[in-house]
Amino acid sequence: MPKFLIELEHEANVEACKKAVETILTSGSHFLTNAEWGCEDNVHKCWIMVDLKNKDEARSVLPPVYRNDAVITKIKRYSVEKMNQAIKTDHY
């Protein structure tokens, strides 16, 4: 199943951080309870990795307030062999 990295951004102030955390906690999605946060390093985003069928399904697990602005990236881990092959052939 494909893996997606979801990035959610919020404003850089304490109230926005609290609201973002509350929104995630009350969303009811088990995916979101595993979010990683960058606020302590002044990067006001959270990231979630999910295994789902497609980007639309990944977007659907988000609270409505974040759905339009979320950055959803399909990610894949390549073996060393596959990376070496890509270097030699210009193919991924």
C-alpha atoms as a PDB file:
ATOM      1  CA  MET A   1       0.000   0.000   0.000  1.00  0.00           C
ATOM      2  CA  PRO A   2       1.362   3.475  -0.793  1.00  0.00           C
ATOM      3  CA  LYS A   3       2.728   5.642   2.007  1.00  0.00           C
ATOM      4  CA  PHE A   4       2.042   9.367   2.303  1.00  0.00           C
ATOM      5  CA  LEU A   5       3.644  12.133   4.322  1.00  0.00           C
ATOM      6  CA  ILE A   6       1.057  14.705   5.347  1.00  0.00           C
ATOM      7  CA  GLU A   7       2.214  18.152   6.418  1.00  0.00           C
ATOM      8  CA  LEU A   8      -0.120  20.511   8.272  1.00  0.00           C
ATOM      9  CA  GLU A   9       0.885  24.078   9.041  1.00  0.00           C
ATOM     10  CA  HIS A  10      -0.510  26.543  11.545  1.00  0.00           C
ATOM     11  CA  GLU A  11       0.315  30.079  12.654  1.00  0.00           C
ATOM     12  CA  ALA A  12       3.363  30.759  14.795  1.00  0.00           C
ATOM     13  CA  ASN A  13       1.789  31.659  18.129  1.00  0.00           C
ATOM     14  CA  VAL A  14       0.813  29.830  21.306  1.00  0.00           C
ATOM     15  CA  GLU A  15      -2.922  30.038  20.691  1.00  0.00           C
ATOM     16  CA  ALA A  16      -2.586  28.632  17.175  1.00  0.00           C
ATOM     17  CA  CYS A  17      -0.438  25.773  18.503  1.00  0.00           C
ATOM     18  CA  LYS A  18      -3.017  24.964  21.179  1.00  0.00           C
ATOM     19  CA  LYS A  19      -5.840  25.082  18.629  1.00  0.00           C
ATOM     20  CA  ALA A  20      -3.915  22.822  16.222  1.00  0.00           C
ATOM     21  CA  VAL A  21      -3.223  20.259  18.940  1.00  0.00           C
ATOM     22  CA  GLU A  22      -6.836  20.336  20.121  1.00  0.00           C
ATOM     23  CA  THR A  23      -8.114  19.929  16.553  1.00  0.00           C
ATOM     24  CA  ILE A  24      -5.869  16.920  15.994  1.00  0.00           C
ATOM     25  CA  LEU A  25      -6.746  15.322  19.340  1.00  0.00           C
ATOM     26  CA  THR A  26     -10.494  15.691  18.836  1.00  0.00           C
ATOM     27  CA  SER A  27     -10.484  14.528  15.213  1.00  0.00           C
ATOM     28  CA  GLY A  28     -10.964  10.907  16.184  1.00  0.00           C
ATOM     29  CA  SER A  29      -8.423   9.696  13.619  1.00  0.00           C
ATOM     30  CA  HIS A  30      -5.948   7.167  14.978  1.00  0.00           C
ATOM     31  CA  PHE A  31      -3.496   8.361  12.296  1.00  0.00           C
ATOM     32  CA  LEU A  32      -3.412  11.878  13.687  1.00  0.00           C
ATOM     33  CA  THR A  33      -2.608  10.844  17.237  1.00  0.00           C
ATOM     34  CA  ASN A  34       0.816   9.844  15.872  1.00  0.00           C
ATOM     35  CA  ALA A  35       1.612  13.314  14.527  1.00  0.00           C
ATOM     36  CA  GLU A  36       5.105  14.731  14.961  1.00  0.00           C
ATOM     37  CA  TRP A  37       5.309  18.445  15.831  1.00  0.00           C
ATOM     38  CA  GLY A  38       7.944  21.071  15.036  1.00  0.00           C
ATOM     39  CA  CYS A  39       6.635  23.895  17.236  1.00  0.00           C
ATOM     40  CA  GLU A  40       9.415  23.655  19.819  1.00  0.00           C
ATOM     41  CA  ASP A  41      11.894  24.419  17.038  1.00  0.00           C
ATOM     42  CA  ASN A  42       9.733  27.315  15.762  1.00  0.00           C
ATOM     43  CA  VAL A  43       8.518  25.281  12.774  1.00  0.00           C
ATOM     44  CA  HIS A  44       4.764  25.416  13.241  1.00  0.00           C
ATOM     45  CA  LYS A  45       3.818  22.282  11.393  1.00  0.00           C
ATOM     46  CA  CYS A  46       2.967  18.711  12.150  1.00  0.00           C
ATOM     47  CA  TRP A  47       3.725  15.664  10.052  1.00  0.00           C
ATOM     48  CA  ILE A  48       1.919  12.367   9.811  1.00  0.00           C
ATOM     49  CA  MET A  49       2.873   9.261   7.835  1.00  0.00           C
ATOM     50  CA  VAL A  50       0.005   7.063   6.705  1.00  0.00           C
ATOM     51  CA  ASP A  51      -0.391   3.961   4.577  1.00  0.00           C
ATOM     52  CA  LEU A  52      -3.484   4.504   2.442  1.00  0.00           C
ATOM     53  CA  LYS A  53      -4.677   3.851  -1.112  1.00  0.00           C
ATOM     54  CA  ASN A  54      -4.232   7.345  -2.544  1.00  0.00           C
ATOM     55  CA  LYS A  55      -3.949  11.073  -1.821  1.00  0.00           C
ATOM     56  CA  ASP A  56      -7.726  11.514  -1.684  1.00  0.00           C
ATOM     57  CA  GLU A  57      -7.987   8.906   1.050  1.00  0.00           C
ATOM     58  CA  ALA A  58      -5.086  10.550   2.906  1.00  0.00           C
ATOM     59  CA  ARG A  59      -6.833  13.926   2.694  1.00  0.00           C
ATOM     60  CA  SER A  60     -10.071  12.391   3.970  1.00  0.00           C
ATOM     61  CA  VAL A  61      -8.526  11.444   7.339  1.00  0.00           C
ATOM     62  CA  LEU A  62      -7.743  15.103   8.063  1.00  0.00           C
ATOM     63  CA  PRO A  63      -9.983  17.474   9.994  1.00  0.00           C
ATOM     64  CA  PRO A  64     -11.910  19.647   7.495  1.00  0.00           C
ATOM     65  CA  VAL A  65     -10.039  22.784   8.569  1.00  0.00           C
ATOM     66  CA  TYR A  66      -6.768  21.301   7.233  1.00  0.00           C
ATOM     67  CA  ARG A  67      -7.933  19.478   4.108  1.00  0.00           C
ATOM     68  CA  ASN A  68      -7.471  22.283   1.585  1.00  0.00           C
ATOM     69  CA  ASP A  69      -4.025  23.429   2.701  1.00  0.00           C
ATOM     70  CA  ALA A  70      -2.415  20.110   3.631  1.00  0.00           C
ATOM     71  CA  VAL A  71       0.668  19.092   1.695  1.00  0.00           C
ATOM     72  CA  ILE A  72       0.371  15.398   0.896  1.00  0.00           C
ATOM     73  CA  THR A  73       3.391  13.685  -0.624  1.00  0.00           C
ATOM     74  CA  LYS A  74       3.590  10.086  -1.754  1.00  0.00           C
ATOM     75  CA  ILE A  75       6.828   8.702  -0.343  1.00  0.00           C
ATOM     76  CA  LYS A  76       8.737   5.516  -0.963  1.00  0.00           C
ATOM     77  CA  ARG A  77      11.856   3.965   0.512  1.00  0.00           C
ATOM     78  CA  TYR A  78      14.333   2.653  -2.033  1.00  0.00           C
ATOM     79  CA  SER A  79      16.875  -0.060  -1.410  1.00  0.00           C
ATOM     80  CA  VAL A  80      20.558   0.727  -1.897  1.00  0.00           C
ATOM     81  CA  GLU A  81      20.471  -1.466  -4.994  1.00  0.00           C
ATOM     82  CA  LYS A  82      17.566   0.504  -6.449  1.00  0.00           C
ATOM     83  CA  MET A  83      19.293   3.836  -5.720  1.00  0.00           C
ATOM     84  CA  ASN A  84      22.500   2.642  -7.382  1.00  0.00           C
ATOM     85  CA  GLN A  85      20.469   1.528 -10.395  1.00  0.00           C
ATOM     86  CA  ALA A  86      18.811   4.953 -10.594  1.00  0.00           C
ATOM     87  CA  ILE A  87      22.218   6.681 -10.615  1.00  0.00           C
ATOM     88  CA  LYS A  88      23.445   4.503 -13.455  1.00  0.00           C
ATOM     89  CA  THR A  89      20.319   4.585 -15.621  1.00  0.00           C
ATOM     90  CA  ASP A  90      18.516   7.873 -14.771  1.00  0.00           C
ATOM     91  CA  HIS A  91      15.424   5.812 -13.850  1.00  0.00           C
ATOM     92  CA  TYR A  92      13.696   5.588 -10.501  1.00  0.00           C
END
